[in-house]
Amino acid sequence: TDALVRVYGERARAMAVVELFGIP
C-alpha cells in the first residue's frame, strides 16, 4: 500500500486492495 502511495500520493491509500495467495 505504501508503494502505491509513493507513486500516487496519499489519496491512493484508501483505494488499495491487497490479496495474498500462499502456494505450497
PDB file of all heavy atoms in Angstrom:
ATOM      1  N   THR A   1       0.844  -1.202   0.000  1.00  0.00           N
ATOM      2  CA  THR A   1       0.000   0.000   0.000  1.00  0.00           C
ATOM      3  C   THR A   1       0.874   1.244   0.000  1.00  0.00           C
ATOM      4  O   THR A   1       0.634   2.190  -0.768  1.00  0.00           O
ATOM      5  CB  THR A   1      -0.944  -0.018   1.222  1.00  0.00           C
ATOM      6  OG1 THR A   1      -1.753  -1.196   1.157  1.00  0.00           O
ATOM      7  CG2 THR A   1      -1.832   1.218   1.250  1.00  0.00           C
ATOM      8  N   ASP A   2       1.914   1.256   0.820  1.00  0.00           N
ATOM      9  CA  ASP A   2       2.841   2.385   0.854  1.00  0.00           C
ATOM     10  C   ASP A   2       3.554   2.570  -0.487  1.00  0.00           C
ATOM     11  O   ASP A   2       3.830   3.704  -0.900  1.00  0.00           O
ATOM     12  CB  ASP A   2       3.871   2.209   1.969  1.00  0.00           C
ATOM     13  CG  ASP A   2       3.287   2.417   3.359  1.00  0.00           C
ATOM     14  OD1 ASP A   2       2.154   2.941   3.483  1.00  0.00           O
ATOM     15  OD2 ASP A   2       3.974   2.029   4.337  1.00  0.00           O
ATOM     16  N   ALA A   3       3.852   1.477  -1.193  1.00  0.00           N
ATOM     17  CA  ALA A   3       4.489   1.560  -2.512  1.00  0.00           C
ATOM     18  C   ALA A   3       3.588   2.307  -3.493  1.00  0.00           C
ATOM     19  O   ALA A   3       4.063   3.128  -4.287  1.00  0.00           O
ATOM     20  CB  ALA A   3       4.800   0.152  -3.035  1.00  0.00           C
ATOM     21  N   LEU A   4       2.313   2.036  -3.433  1.00  0.00           N
ATOM     22  CA  LEU A   4       1.341   2.722  -4.286  1.00  0.00           C
ATOM     23  C   LEU A   4       1.266   4.207  -3.915  1.00  0.00           C
ATOM     24  O   LEU A   4       1.254   5.082  -4.792  1.00  0.00           O
ATOM     25  CB  LEU A   4      -0.024   2.051  -4.134  1.00  0.00           C
ATOM     26  CG  LEU A   4      -1.119   2.497  -5.075  1.00  0.00           C
ATOM     27  CD1 LEU A   4      -0.826   2.022  -6.492  1.00  0.00           C
ATOM     28  CD2 LEU A   4      -2.461   1.968  -4.609  1.00  0.00           C
ATOM     29  N   VAL A   5       1.268   4.484  -2.635  1.00  0.00           N
ATOM     30  CA  VAL A   5       1.202   5.862  -2.146  1.00  0.00           C
ATOM     31  C   VAL A   5       2.438   6.651  -2.576  1.00  0.00           C
ATOM     32  O   VAL A   5       2.338   7.833  -2.909  1.00  0.00           O
ATOM     33  CB  VAL A   5       1.004   5.886  -0.609  1.00  0.00           C
ATOM     34  CG1 VAL A   5       1.215   7.279  -0.034  1.00  0.00           C
ATOM     35  CG2 VAL A   5      -0.382   5.358  -0.259  1.00  0.00           C
ATOM     36  N   ARG A   6       3.603   6.013  -2.619  1.00  0.00           N
ATOM     37  CA  ARG A   6       4.825   6.707  -3.066  1.00  0.00           C
ATOM     38  C   ARG A   6       4.694   7.209  -4.491  1.00  0.00           C
ATOM     39  O   ARG A   6       5.274   8.228  -4.855  1.00  0.00           O
ATOM     40  CB  ARG A   6       6.039   5.792  -2.944  1.00  0.00           C
ATOM     41  CG  ARG A   6       6.602   5.705  -1.540  1.00  0.00           C
ATOM     42  CD  ARG A   6       7.975   5.051  -1.500  1.00  0.00           C
ATOM     43  NE  ARG A   6       7.957   3.643  -1.805  1.00  0.00           N
ATOM     44  CZ  ARG A   6       7.704   2.679  -0.924  1.00  0.00           C
ATOM     45  NH1 ARG A   6       7.402   2.984   0.323  1.00  0.00           N
ATOM     46  NH2 ARG A   6       7.720   1.419  -1.285  1.00  0.00           N
ATOM     47  N   VAL A   7       3.931   6.517  -5.317  1.00  0.00           N
ATOM     48  CA  VAL A   7       3.778   6.916  -6.719  1.00  0.00           C
ATOM     49  C   VAL A   7       2.601   7.876  -6.895  1.00  0.00           C
ATOM     50  O   VAL A   7       2.712   8.870  -7.603  1.00  0.00           O
ATOM     51  CB  VAL A   7       3.609   5.679  -7.625  1.00  0.00           C
ATOM     52  CG1 VAL A   7       3.341   6.087  -9.070  1.00  0.00           C
ATOM     53  CG2 VAL A   7       4.851   4.791  -7.539  1.00  0.00           C
ATOM     54  N   TYR A   8       1.465   7.603  -6.250  1.00  0.00           N
ATOM     55  CA  TYR A   8       0.237   8.364  -6.500  1.00  0.00           C
ATOM     56  C   TYR A   8      -0.172   9.311  -5.381  1.00  0.00           C
ATOM     57  O   TYR A   8      -1.146  10.042  -5.526  1.00  0.00           O
ATOM     58  CB  TYR A   8      -0.920   7.408  -6.780  1.00  0.00           C
ATOM     59  CG  TYR A   8      -0.780   6.712  -8.098  1.00  0.00           C
ATOM     60  CD1 TYR A   8      -0.565   5.349  -8.164  1.00  0.00           C
ATOM     61  CD2 TYR A   8      -0.865   7.419  -9.293  1.00  0.00           C
ATOM     62  CE1 TYR A   8      -0.434   4.708  -9.384  1.00  0.00           C
ATOM     63  CE2 TYR A   8      -0.729   6.791 -10.512  1.00  0.00           C
ATOM     64  CZ  TYR A   8      -0.514   5.434 -10.549  1.00  0.00           C
ATOM     65  OH  TYR A   8      -0.388   4.812 -11.764  1.00  0.00           O
ATOM     66  N   GLY A   9       0.526   9.283  -4.273  1.00  0.00           N
ATOM     67  CA  GLY A   9       0.161  10.160  -3.175  1.00  0.00           C
ATOM     68  C   GLY A   9      -0.813   9.498  -2.215  1.00  0.00           C
ATOM     69  O   GLY A   9      -1.356   8.423  -2.476  1.00  0.00           O
ATOM     70  N   GLU A  10      -1.033  10.176  -1.115  1.00  0.00           N
ATOM     71  CA  GLU A  10      -1.832   9.637  -0.017  1.00  0.00           C
ATOM     72  C   GLU A  10      -3.263   9.288  -0.436  1.00  0.00           C
ATOM     73  O   GLU A  10      -3.872   8.389   0.131  1.00  0.00           O
ATOM     74  CB  GLU A  10      -1.833  10.628   1.147  1.00  0.00           C
ATOM     75  CG  GLU A  10      -2.311  10.067   2.452  1.00  0.00           C
ATOM     76  CD  GLU A  10      -1.487   8.886   2.960  1.00  0.00           C
ATOM     77  OE1 GLU A  10      -0.242   8.899   2.871  1.00  0.00           O
ATOM     78  OE2 GLU A  10      -2.113   7.931   3.468  1.00  0.00           O
ATOM     79  N   ARG A  11      -3.806   9.962  -1.444  1.00  0.00           N
ATOM     80  CA  ARG A  11      -5.182   9.683  -1.884  1.00  0.00           C
ATOM     81  C   ARG A  11      -5.363   8.233  -2.331  1.00  0.00           C
ATOM     82  O   ARG A  11      -6.467   7.703  -2.311  1.00  0.00           O
ATOM     83  CB  ARG A  11      -5.591  10.635  -2.994  1.00  0.00           C
ATOM     84  CG  ARG A  11      -4.852  10.396  -4.304  1.00  0.00           C
ATOM     85  CD  ARG A  11      -5.189  11.437  -5.359  1.00  0.00           C
ATOM     86  NE  ARG A  11      -4.578  11.145  -6.623  1.00  0.00           N
ATOM     87  CZ  ARG A  11      -3.341  11.455  -6.970  1.00  0.00           C
ATOM     88  NH1 ARG A  11      -2.559  12.084  -6.112  1.00  0.00           N
ATOM     89  NH2 ARG A  11      -2.865  11.154  -8.150  1.00  0.00           N
ATOM     90  N   ALA A  12      -4.282   7.564  -2.723  1.00  0.00           N
ATOM     91  CA  ALA A  12      -4.363   6.183  -3.218  1.00  0.00           C
ATOM     92  C   ALA A  12      -4.512   5.169  -2.088  1.00  0.00           C
ATOM     93  O   ALA A  12      -4.970   4.046  -2.318  1.00  0.00           O
ATOM     94  CB  ALA A  12      -3.129   5.851  -4.052  1.00  0.00           C
ATOM     95  N   ARG A  13      -4.150   5.539  -0.869  1.00  0.00           N
ATOM     96  CA  ARG A  13      -4.141   4.588   0.248  1.00  0.00           C
ATOM     97  C   ARG A  13      -5.506   3.929   0.455  1.00  0.00           C
ATOM     98  O   ARG A  13      -5.616   2.717   0.576  1.00  0.00           O
ATOM     99  CB  ARG A  13      -3.690   5.262   1.543  1.00  0.00           C
ATOM    100  CG  ARG A  13      -3.602   4.301   2.719  1.00  0.00           C
ATOM    101  CD  ARG A  13      -3.030   4.958   3.970  1.00  0.00           C
ATOM    102  NE  ARG A  13      -1.727   5.548   3.750  1.00  0.00           N
ATOM    103  CZ  ARG A  13      -0.577   4.876   3.713  1.00  0.00           C
ATOM    104  NH1 ARG A  13      -0.577   3.564   3.883  1.00  0.00           N
ATOM    105  NH2 ARG A  13       0.567   5.498   3.507  1.00  0.00           N
ATOM    106  N   ALA A  14      -6.561   4.720   0.505  1.00  0.00           N
ATOM    107  CA  ALA A  14      -7.896   4.191   0.810  1.00  0.00           C
ATOM    108  C   ALA A  14      -8.432   3.286  -0.298  1.00  0.00           C
ATOM    109  O   ALA A  14      -9.332   2.484  -0.057  1.00  0.00           O
ATOM    110  CB  ALA A  14      -8.865   5.347   1.051  1.00  0.00           C
ATOM    111  N   MET A  15      -7.870   3.393  -1.492  1.00  0.00           N
ATOM    112  CA  MET A  15      -8.349   2.589  -2.616  1.00  0.00           C
ATOM    113  C   MET A  15      -7.592   1.271  -2.790  1.00  0.00           C
ATOM    114  O   MET A  15      -8.042   0.390  -3.520  1.00  0.00           O
ATOM    115  CB  MET A  15      -8.238   3.397  -3.913  1.00  0.00           C
ATOM    116  CG  MET A  15      -9.113   4.633  -3.933  1.00  0.00           C
ATOM    117  SD  MET A  15      -8.968   5.516  -5.495  1.00  0.00           S
ATOM    118  CE  MET A  15      -7.414   6.371  -5.263  1.00  0.00           C
ATOM    119  N   ALA A  16      -6.447   1.131  -2.153  1.00  0.00           N
ATOM    120  CA  ALA A  16      -5.585  -0.037  -2.366  1.00  0.00           C
ATOM    121  C   ALA A  16      -6.195  -1.309  -1.780  1.00  0.00           C
ATOM    122  O   ALA A  16      -6.608  -1.335  -0.627  1.00  0.00           O
ATOM    123  CB  ALA A  16      -4.212   0.202  -1.751  1.00  0.00           C
ATOM    124  N   VAL A  17      -6.233  -2.347  -2.595  1.00  0.00           N
ATOM    125  CA  VAL A  17      -6.673  -3.675  -2.171  1.00  0.00           C
ATOM    126  C   VAL A  17      -5.490  -4.618  -2.368  1.00  0.00           C
ATOM    127  O   VAL A  17      -4.843  -4.603  -3.420  1.00  0.00           O
ATOM    128  CB  VAL A  17      -7.874  -4.162  -3.015  1.00  0.00           C
ATOM    129  CG1 VAL A  17      -8.241  -5.587  -2.667  1.00  0.00           C
ATOM    130  CG2 VAL A  17      -9.065  -3.228  -2.844  1.00  0.00           C
ATOM    131  N   VAL A  18      -5.196  -5.442  -1.365  1.00  0.00           N
ATOM    132  CA  VAL A  18      -4.084  -6.396  -1.444  1.00  0.00           C
ATOM    133  C   VAL A  18      -4.609  -7.777  -1.083  1.00  0.00           C
ATOM    134  O   VAL A  18      -5.221  -7.955  -0.034  1.00  0.00           O
ATOM    135  CB  VAL A  18      -2.931  -6.016  -0.485  1.00  0.00           C
ATOM    136  CG1 VAL A  18      -1.796  -7.035  -0.579  1.00  0.00           C
ATOM    137  CG2 VAL A  18      -2.427  -4.599  -0.763  1.00  0.00           C
ATOM    138  N   GLU A  19      -4.380  -8.745  -1.959  1.00  0.00           N
ATOM    139  CA  GLU A  19      -4.713 -10.144  -1.695  1.00  0.00           C
ATOM    140  C   GLU A  19      -3.431 -10.957  -1.751  1.00  0.00           C
ATOM    141  O   GLU A  19      -2.645 -10.819  -2.690  1.00  0.00           O
ATOM    142  CB  GLU A  19      -5.683 -10.688  -2.739  1.00  0.00           C
ATOM    143  CG  GLU A  19      -7.075 -10.114  -2.658  1.00  0.00           C
ATOM    144  CD  GLU A  19      -7.980 -10.782  -3.674  1.00  0.00           C
ATOM    145  OE1 GLU A  19      -7.735 -10.616  -4.877  1.00  0.00           O
ATOM    146  OE2 GLU A  19      -8.922 -11.465  -3.242  1.00  0.00           O
ATOM    147  N   LEU A  20      -3.234 -11.800  -0.750  1.00  0.00           N
ATOM    148  CA  LEU A  20      -2.059 -12.663  -0.689  1.00  0.00           C
ATOM    149  C   LEU A  20      -2.495 -14.104  -0.910  1.00  0.00           C
ATOM    150  O   LEU A  20      -3.387 -14.598  -0.216  1.00  0.00           O
ATOM    151  CB  LEU A  20      -1.376 -12.538   0.677  1.00  0.00           C
ATOM    152  CG  LEU A  20      -1.010 -11.116   1.117  1.00  0.00           C
ATOM    153  CD1 LEU A  20      -0.414 -11.137   2.513  1.00  0.00           C
ATOM    154  CD2 LEU A  20      -0.068 -10.473   0.122  1.00  0.00           C
ATOM    155  N   PHE A  21      -1.861 -14.765  -1.856  1.00  0.00           N
ATOM    156  CA  PHE A  21      -2.162 -16.156  -2.175  1.00  0.00           C
ATOM    157  C   PHE A  21      -0.937 -17.002  -1.869  1.00  0.00           C
ATOM    158  O   PHE A  21       0.092 -16.867  -2.531  1.00  0.00           O
ATOM    159  CB  PHE A  21      -2.543 -16.312  -3.651  1.00  0.00           C
ATOM    160  CG  PHE A  21      -3.780 -15.560  -4.034  1.00  0.00           C
ATOM    161  CD1 PHE A  21      -3.707 -14.277  -4.542  1.00  0.00           C
ATOM    162  CD2 PHE A  21      -5.037 -16.135  -3.868  1.00  0.00           C
ATOM    163  CE1 PHE A  21      -4.856 -13.572  -4.883  1.00  0.00           C
ATOM    164  CE2 PHE A  21      -6.187 -15.450  -4.201  1.00  0.00           C
ATOM    165  CZ  PHE A  21      -6.098 -14.162  -4.713  1.00  0.00           C
ATOM    166  N   GLY A  22      -1.038 -17.843  -0.856  1.00  0.00           N
ATOM    167  CA  GLY A  22       0.058 -18.732  -0.493  1.00  0.00           C
ATOM    168  C   GLY A  22      -0.012 -20.021  -1.279  1.00  0.00           C
ATOM    169  O   GLY A  22      -1.057 -20.671  -1.328  1.00  0.00           O
ATOM    170  N   ILE A  23       1.084 -20.367  -1.912  1.00  0.00           N
ATOM    171  CA  ILE A  23       1.180 -21.598  -2.698  1.00  0.00           C
ATOM    172  C   ILE A  23       2.243 -22.474  -2.054  1.00  0.00           C
ATOM    173  O   ILE A  23       3.393 -22.040  -1.896  1.00  0.00           O
ATOM    174  CB  ILE A  23       1.547 -21.291  -4.167  1.00  0.00           C
ATOM    175  CG1 ILE A  23       0.502 -20.342  -4.781  1.00  0.00           C
ATOM    176  CG2 ILE A  23       1.680 -22.579  -4.975  1.00  0.00           C
ATOM    177  CD1 ILE A  23       0.880 -19.781  -6.121  1.00  0.00           C
ATOM    178  N   PRO A  24       1.892 -23.702  -1.653  1.00  0.00           N
ATOM    179  CA  PRO A  24       2.900 -24.576  -1.046  1.00  0.00           C
ATOM    180  C   PRO A  24       4.119 -24.736  -1.969  1.00  0.00           C
ATOM    181  O   PRO A  24       3.980 -24.855  -3.194  1.00  0.00           O
ATOM    182  CB  PRO A  24       2.166 -25.902  -0.871  1.00  0.00           C
ATOM    183  CG  PRO A  24       0.720 -25.529  -0.800  1.00  0.00           C
ATOM    184  CD  PRO A  24       0.582 -24.347  -1.734  1.00  0.00           C
TER     185      PRO A  24
END
